[in-house]
Amino acid sequence: MPYPVTSNELKHMNSATSPALTATAINAAQSNHDVAEATLRQQTTTQPQSVQNECCLVQIYPPDVIEGMMLLEQDEFLIGRSPDSDLPLLDGSVSRQHALLFRDHDGYAVRDLGSTNGTIVNESTIDSDRYLKSGDTVRIGSFLFRFLSADSVETQYHETVYNALTRDALTGTMNKRYLMEAMSREISRSTRAKLEMAVVMLDIDHFKSVNDTHGHLVGDEVLRTFGQRVGAICRVDDLLARYGGEEFCLLLAATGREDACEIAERCRQAVADTPFPTSIGPLVVTASFGFAVLDPENPQSSKELLEAADQQLYDAKRSGRNQVCG
């Protein structure tokens, strides 16, 4: 579950929406987007791009802050309503297998797969493979995307905005808004696939005394180092987010109780075993951990899962801190 940009399951729109209203909304969004980016688009080329390692697809409409920027890191990228698609678009206007983005020696191209509503590039329905250049728009049903090459100024702009909206500015971890969106989607995925998942709440012990004794700047240093150390333990598909203050949350996909306990213990050791370097010298820092595991046969809501993990965190604090409970 790499909750960064390659995670796939997008929010679906109401398939009963009037086509005329949807088209009007898309055109309005497109117009506003074009005005804001007119200067940036002057710098894009007019010929098919050479193959780039990290081209991306930006969702323009409907807006999606959490998963609205997708890196194209594979040679084929299937788009459709099927949950098995690389980019599932859960809306009635999208066919189950709607379109294929693919890469060859000439660059990226899009191919319609016999969809009901067609695949539209720059407002023209395609009837054969169409190579994409940076700045092209691709409409799939009610969804509108922009294709961007890795080296475009526009890509850098979108990446900056995306990071500002989804990451905690101090620690570089994901923020609470991103966490809650990702958790809701992962619960749905885990329930459908009959897989366990775990949530770990992490809290720095006696953090208030760090701020009171050494000042908030040192406290900020501790928070940054904490995020780095725990992040270094995380697996590729794990999500670490700052929940608030000195409290963090780990979202562990396809993870049962035993593995969740092991990961939490490794994080605890990474924090406690080596003093944190700060501007006033090394500081010994510990943290308490509480985790809860989702039962896919009896799924809980995000709120219920977080409350269960938080209760385990409270038990860890009450039992002496610097330990894992779950």
Protein backbone atom coordinates (compact mmCIF):
# COMPACT_ATOMS: atom_id res chain seq x y z
CA MET A 1 0.00 0.00 0.00
CA PRO A 2 2.29 2.75 -1.07
CA TYR A 3 0.04 5.55 -0.35
CA PRO A 4 1.95 7.89 -2.38
CA VAL A 5 0.87 8.61 -5.89
CA THR A 6 0.81 5.11 -7.35
CA SER A 7 -1.99 3.89 -5.13
CA ASN A 8 -5.01 3.42 -7.34
CA GLU A 9 -8.58 3.28 -6.09
CA LEU A 10 -10.11 6.70 -6.83
CA LYS A 11 -13.33 8.13 -5.43
CA HIS A 12 -16.22 7.39 -7.72
CA MET A 13 -18.72 9.92 -8.95
CA ASN A 14 -22.48 9.43 -9.04
CA SER A 15 -23.17 7.63 -12.31
CA ALA A 16 -26.62 9.20 -12.41
CA THR A 17 -25.12 12.68 -12.92
CA SER A 18 -26.53 14.41 -15.96
CA PRO A 19 -24.06 14.11 -18.88
CA ALA A 20 -24.70 17.75 -19.79
CA LEU A 21 -23.95 18.94 -16.26
CA THR A 22 -20.88 16.71 -16.06
CA ALA A 23 -19.54 18.06 -19.36
CA THR A 24 -20.15 21.64 -18.17
CA ALA A 25 -18.32 20.99 -14.92
CA ILE A 26 -15.40 19.36 -16.72
CA ASN A 27 -15.13 22.24 -19.18
CA ALA A 28 -15.21 24.77 -16.34
CA ALA A 29 -12.49 22.91 -14.47
CA GLN A 30 -10.46 22.64 -17.65
CA SER A 31 -10.80 26.36 -18.35
CA ASN A 32 -9.73 27.38 -14.85
CA HIS A 33 -6.82 24.94 -14.94
CA ASP A 34 -5.62 26.22 -18.32
CA VAL A 35 -5.66 29.86 -17.22
CA ALA A 36 -3.63 29.08 -14.11
CA GLU A 37 -1.07 27.10 -16.10
CA ALA A 38 -0.86 29.02 -19.36
CA THR A 39 2.70 30.13 -18.77
CA LEU A 40 3.82 26.66 -17.78
CA ARG A 41 2.30 25.06 -20.87
CA GLN A 42 4.29 27.34 -23.17
CA GLN A 43 7.33 25.33 -22.14
CA THR A 44 5.99 21.94 -23.30
CA THR A 45 6.99 20.45 -26.63
CA THR A 46 4.75 19.71 -29.60
CA GLN A 47 6.35 16.39 -30.60
CA PRO A 48 6.00 12.98 -28.91
CA GLN A 49 8.29 12.86 -25.91
CA SER A 50 11.23 10.50 -25.71
CA VAL A 51 10.72 7.82 -23.11
CA GLN A 52 10.89 9.28 -19.60
CA ASN A 53 11.39 7.31 -16.41
CA GLU A 54 8.77 9.16 -14.42
CA CYS A 55 6.04 10.62 -16.58
CA CYS A 56 2.84 11.17 -14.67
CA LEU A 57 -0.91 11.42 -15.04
CA VAL A 58 -2.59 14.22 -13.08
CA GLN A 59 -6.31 13.97 -12.33
CA ILE A 60 -7.89 17.34 -13.10
CA TYR A 61 -11.57 16.42 -12.71
CA PRO A 62 -13.03 15.48 -10.34
CA PRO A 63 -10.28 16.84 -8.06
CA ASP A 64 -8.56 14.19 -5.94
CA VAL A 65 -6.01 15.54 -3.47
CA ILE A 66 -4.95 12.17 -2.12
CA GLU A 67 -4.37 10.14 -5.29
CA GLY A 68 -4.58 12.78 -7.97
CA MET A 69 -1.02 12.42 -9.27
CA MET A 70 0.10 9.02 -10.54
CA LEU A 71 3.63 8.20 -11.60
CA LEU A 72 3.75 5.94 -14.67
CA GLU A 73 6.41 3.48 -13.55
CA GLN A 74 5.48 0.51 -15.74
CA ASP A 75 5.32 -0.23 -19.44
CA GLU A 76 1.56 -0.88 -19.46
CA PHE A 77 -1.07 0.91 -17.37
CA LEU A 78 -4.65 -0.40 -17.60
CA ILE A 79 -7.49 2.05 -16.88
CA GLY A 80 -11.05 0.85 -16.28
CA ARG A 81 -13.93 0.24 -13.91
CA SER A 82 -12.62 -3.20 -12.94
CA PRO A 83 -10.98 -3.26 -9.48
CA ASP A 84 -8.14 -5.24 -11.09
CA SER A 85 -7.16 -2.26 -13.26
CA ASP A 86 -3.93 -0.40 -12.56
CA LEU A 87 -6.12 2.70 -12.28
CA PRO A 88 -9.66 1.70 -11.20
CA LEU A 89 -12.25 4.42 -11.91
CA LEU A 90 -15.38 3.30 -10.12
CA ASP A 91 -17.99 5.09 -12.18
CA GLY A 92 -20.68 3.97 -14.62
CA SER A 93 -19.29 6.20 -17.37
CA VAL A 94 -16.11 4.08 -17.47
CA SER A 95 -15.96 0.64 -19.12
CA ARG A 96 -14.50 -2.29 -17.17
CA GLN A 97 -11.43 -2.27 -19.42
CA HIS A 98 -11.54 1.20 -20.90
CA ALA A 99 -8.07 2.22 -22.10
CA LEU A 100 -4.43 1.20 -22.01
CA LEU A 101 -1.48 3.52 -21.53
CA PHE A 102 1.68 1.88 -22.82
CA ARG A 103 5.31 2.80 -23.33
CA ASP A 104 7.61 1.92 -26.24
CA HIS A 105 10.78 3.43 -27.72
CA ASP A 106 8.82 6.43 -29.04
CA GLY A 107 7.24 7.34 -25.71
CA TYR A 108 3.84 6.87 -24.08
CA ALA A 109 0.70 6.20 -26.09
CA VAL A 110 -2.94 5.58 -25.21
CA ARG A 111 -5.18 2.94 -26.81
CA ASP A 112 -8.96 2.67 -26.43
CA LEU A 113 -10.05 -0.90 -25.61
CA GLY A 114 -13.46 -0.77 -27.26
CA SER A 115 -15.02 1.29 -24.46
CA THR A 116 -18.64 2.37 -24.56
CA ASN A 117 -17.96 6.10 -24.25
CA GLY A 118 -14.60 6.23 -26.01
CA THR A 119 -11.24 7.66 -25.01
CA ILE A 120 -10.81 11.36 -25.76
CA VAL A 121 -7.43 13.06 -26.19
CA ASN A 122 -7.44 16.86 -26.40
CA GLU A 123 -11.23 16.76 -26.96
CA SER A 124 -10.97 14.37 -29.94
CA THR A 125 -12.14 10.76 -29.71
CA ILE A 126 -9.31 8.43 -30.74
CA ASP A 127 -9.81 5.45 -33.06
CA SER A 128 -6.17 4.28 -33.05
CA ASP A 129 -3.12 4.48 -30.80
CA ARG A 130 -2.31 8.09 -29.92
CA TYR A 131 1.12 9.14 -28.70
CA LEU A 132 0.99 11.63 -25.87
CA LYS A 133 3.01 14.79 -25.43
CA SER A 134 3.40 16.72 -22.20
CA GLY A 135 0.29 18.78 -21.50
CA ASP A 136 -2.18 16.56 -23.41
CA THR A 137 -5.53 15.94 -21.75
CA VAL A 138 -7.11 12.48 -21.65
CA ARG A 139 -10.79 12.04 -20.85
CA ILE A 140 -11.97 8.64 -19.59
CA GLY A 141 -15.72 8.74 -19.02
CA SER A 142 -16.37 11.51 -16.49
CA PHE A 143 -12.70 11.73 -15.48
CA LEU A 144 -10.24 14.21 -16.97
CA PHE A 145 -6.46 13.75 -16.74
CA ARG A 146 -3.39 15.61 -17.95
CA PHE A 147 -0.31 13.72 -19.15
CA LEU A 148 2.99 15.32 -18.09
CA SER A 149 6.59 14.46 -18.85
CA ALA A 150 9.03 14.13 -15.97
CA ASP A 151 11.12 17.16 -16.92
CA SER A 152 8.29 19.68 -17.37
CA VAL A 153 7.90 22.69 -15.08
CA GLU A 154 4.24 21.78 -14.79
CA THR A 155 5.11 18.37 -13.33
CA GLN A 156 7.28 20.02 -10.72
CA TYR A 157 4.45 22.43 -9.92
CA HIS A 158 1.93 19.62 -9.41
CA GLU A 159 4.40 17.66 -7.29
CA THR A 160 5.00 20.68 -5.06
CA VAL A 161 1.28 21.28 -4.59
CA TYR A 162 0.63 17.58 -4.01
CA ASN A 163 3.31 17.35 -1.33
CA ALA A 164 2.05 20.50 0.38
CA LEU A 165 -1.44 19.03 0.62
CA THR A 166 -0.51 15.52 1.72
CA ARG A 167 2.70 15.73 3.76
CA ASP A 168 3.48 17.11 7.19
CA ALA A 169 5.77 20.09 6.63
CA LEU A 170 7.91 19.49 9.73
CA THR A 171 8.55 15.74 9.63
CA GLY A 172 8.06 14.90 5.96
CA THR A 173 5.68 12.08 6.86
CA MET A 174 2.17 11.98 5.42
CA ASN A 175 -0.39 14.16 7.20
CA LYS A 176 -3.61 13.24 9.00
CA ARG A 177 -5.82 14.14 6.05
CA TYR A 178 -3.95 11.73 3.80
CA LEU A 179 -3.97 9.06 6.51
CA MET A 180 -7.73 9.13 6.97
CA GLU A 181 -8.40 8.91 3.23
CA ALA A 182 -5.88 6.09 2.82
CA MET A 183 -7.20 4.17 5.83
CA SER A 184 -10.77 4.25 4.56
CA ARG A 185 -9.67 2.88 1.20
CA GLU A 186 -7.42 0.23 2.72
CA ILE A 187 -10.23 -1.01 4.97
CA SER A 188 -12.41 -1.41 1.87
CA ARG A 189 -9.64 -3.21 0.00
CA SER A 190 -8.82 -5.50 2.92
CA THR A 191 -12.47 -6.37 3.46
CA ARG A 192 -12.99 -7.26 -0.21
CA ALA A 193 -9.80 -9.34 -0.32
CA LYS A 194 -10.43 -10.95 3.10
CA LEU A 195 -7.06 -9.73 4.39
CA GLU A 196 -6.07 -8.48 7.80
CA MET A 197 -4.55 -5.02 8.23
CA ALA A 198 -3.13 -3.24 11.25
CA VAL A 199 -3.05 0.27 12.65
CA VAL A 200 -0.30 1.30 15.08
CA MET A 201 -0.49 4.45 17.18
CA LEU A 202 2.90 5.86 18.27
CA ASP A 203 3.45 8.53 20.91
CA ILE A 204 6.76 10.07 22.04
CA ASP A 205 7.13 9.64 25.79
CA HIS A 206 7.38 12.79 27.95
CA PHE A 207 7.52 15.02 24.88
CA LYS A 208 6.01 17.97 26.74
CA SER A 209 9.00 18.00 29.06
CA VAL A 210 11.33 18.21 26.04
CA ASN A 211 9.55 21.36 24.88
CA ASP A 212 9.34 22.82 28.39
CA THR A 213 12.99 22.10 29.23
CA HIS A 214 14.78 22.65 25.92
CA GLY A 215 12.38 24.74 23.86
CA HIS A 216 10.21 24.09 20.83
CA LEU A 217 13.06 24.21 18.33
CA VAL A 218 14.67 21.21 20.01
CA GLY A 219 11.24 19.61 20.15
CA ASP A 220 10.96 20.05 16.40
CA GLU A 221 14.35 18.37 15.94
CA VAL A 222 13.12 15.40 17.99
CA LEU A 223 9.97 15.12 15.88
CA ARG A 224 11.94 15.17 12.63
CA THR A 225 14.39 12.52 13.82
CA PHE A 226 11.55 10.39 15.15
CA GLY A 227 9.86 10.44 11.74
CA GLN A 228 13.12 9.52 10.02
CA ARG A 229 13.92 6.60 12.32
CA VAL A 230 10.47 5.07 12.22
CA GLY A 231 10.23 5.70 8.47
CA ALA A 232 13.48 3.80 7.95
CA ILE A 233 11.91 0.71 9.53
CA CYS A 234 8.75 0.86 7.43
CA ARG A 235 8.24 -1.52 4.53
CA VAL A 236 7.59 -0.18 1.04
CA ASP A 237 3.82 -0.53 1.39
CA ASP A 238 3.55 0.87 4.93
CA LEU A 239 2.24 4.36 5.58
CA LEU A 240 3.61 6.59 8.35
CA ALA A 241 1.67 9.76 9.14
CA ARG A 242 1.84 12.44 11.79
CA TYR A 243 -1.51 12.25 13.56
CA GLY A 244 -1.05 15.36 15.68
CA GLY A 245 1.52 16.86 18.06
CA GLU A 246 3.90 14.08 19.10
CA GLU A 247 1.51 11.32 18.01
CA PHE A 248 2.04 9.34 14.80
CA CYS A 249 0.18 6.51 13.10
CA LEU A 250 1.38 3.53 11.06
CA LEU A 251 -0.96 1.89 8.55
CA LEU A 252 0.13 -1.67 7.75
CA ALA A 253 -1.61 -3.38 4.81
CA ALA A 254 -1.98 -7.17 4.68
CA THR A 255 -0.53 -7.45 8.18
CA GLY A 256 -1.71 -9.69 11.03
CA ARG A 257 -1.19 -9.39 14.77
CA GLU A 258 2.19 -11.13 14.97
CA ASP A 259 3.77 -9.09 12.18
CA ALA A 260 2.26 -5.85 13.49
CA CYS A 261 3.77 -6.51 16.91
CA GLU A 262 7.17 -7.28 15.37
CA ILE A 263 7.19 -4.10 13.25
CA ALA A 264 6.11 -1.95 16.20
CA GLU A 265 8.85 -3.47 18.38
CA ARG A 266 11.48 -2.79 15.72
CA CYS A 267 10.31 0.83 15.56
CA ARG A 268 10.45 1.10 19.36
CA GLN A 269 14.02 -0.18 19.39
CA ALA A 270 15.07 2.17 16.58
CA VAL A 271 13.86 5.09 18.68
CA ALA A 272 15.16 4.00 22.09
CA ASP A 273 18.50 2.37 21.29
CA THR A 274 20.37 5.48 20.13
CA PRO A 275 20.06 9.01 21.59
CA PHE A 276 18.64 11.66 19.25
CA PRO A 277 21.17 14.25 18.00
CA THR A 278 19.97 17.80 18.74
CA SER A 279 21.41 21.30 18.85
CA ILE A 280 21.83 21.02 22.65
CA GLY A 281 23.43 17.58 22.47
CA PRO A 282 22.17 13.99 22.41
CA LEU A 283 18.77 13.30 23.99
CA VAL A 284 17.45 9.93 25.10
CA VAL A 285 13.99 9.51 23.57
CA THR A 286 11.51 6.67 23.93
CA ALA A 287 8.04 6.06 22.56
CA SER A 288 5.00 3.96 23.35
CA PHE A 289 3.10 1.90 20.78
CA GLY A 290 -0.42 0.50 20.62
CA PHE A 291 -1.87 -1.46 17.71
CA ALA A 292 -5.15 -2.94 16.54
CA VAL A 293 -5.84 -5.44 13.75
CA LEU A 294 -8.79 -5.40 11.38
CA ASP A 295 -10.80 -8.60 11.13
CA PRO A 296 -12.01 -8.68 7.49
CA GLU A 297 -14.92 -10.92 8.49
CA ASN A 298 -16.12 -8.29 10.94
CA PRO A 299 -14.68 -5.01 9.60
CA GLN A 300 -14.47 -1.87 11.70
CA SER A 301 -14.63 1.74 10.60
CA SER A 302 -11.52 3.94 10.57
CA LYS A 303 -12.74 5.61 13.74
CA GLU A 304 -13.27 2.30 15.54
CA LEU A 305 -9.89 0.95 14.46
CA LEU A 306 -8.08 4.10 15.59
CA GLU A 307 -9.90 4.06 18.92
CA ALA A 308 -8.90 0.43 19.47
CA ALA A 309 -5.24 1.22 18.71
CA ASP A 310 -5.38 4.32 20.88
CA GLN A 311 -6.68 2.27 23.80
CA GLN A 312 -3.71 -0.07 23.42
CA LEU A 313 -1.41 2.97 23.34
CA TYR A 314 -2.99 4.17 26.59
CA ASP A 315 -2.31 0.75 28.13
CA ALA A 316 1.35 0.98 27.05
CA LYS A 317 1.64 4.41 28.67
CA ARG A 318 -0.07 3.25 31.84
CA SER A 319 2.19 0.18 32.05
CA GLY A 320 5.39 2.25 32.14
CA ARG A 321 5.91 3.61 28.59
CA ASN A 322 8.58 2.56 26.06
CA GLN A 323 6.71 -0.61 25.14
CA VAL A 324 4.29 -2.15 22.64
CA CYS A 325 0.73 -3.21 23.47
CA GLY A 326 -1.79 -4.83 21.17
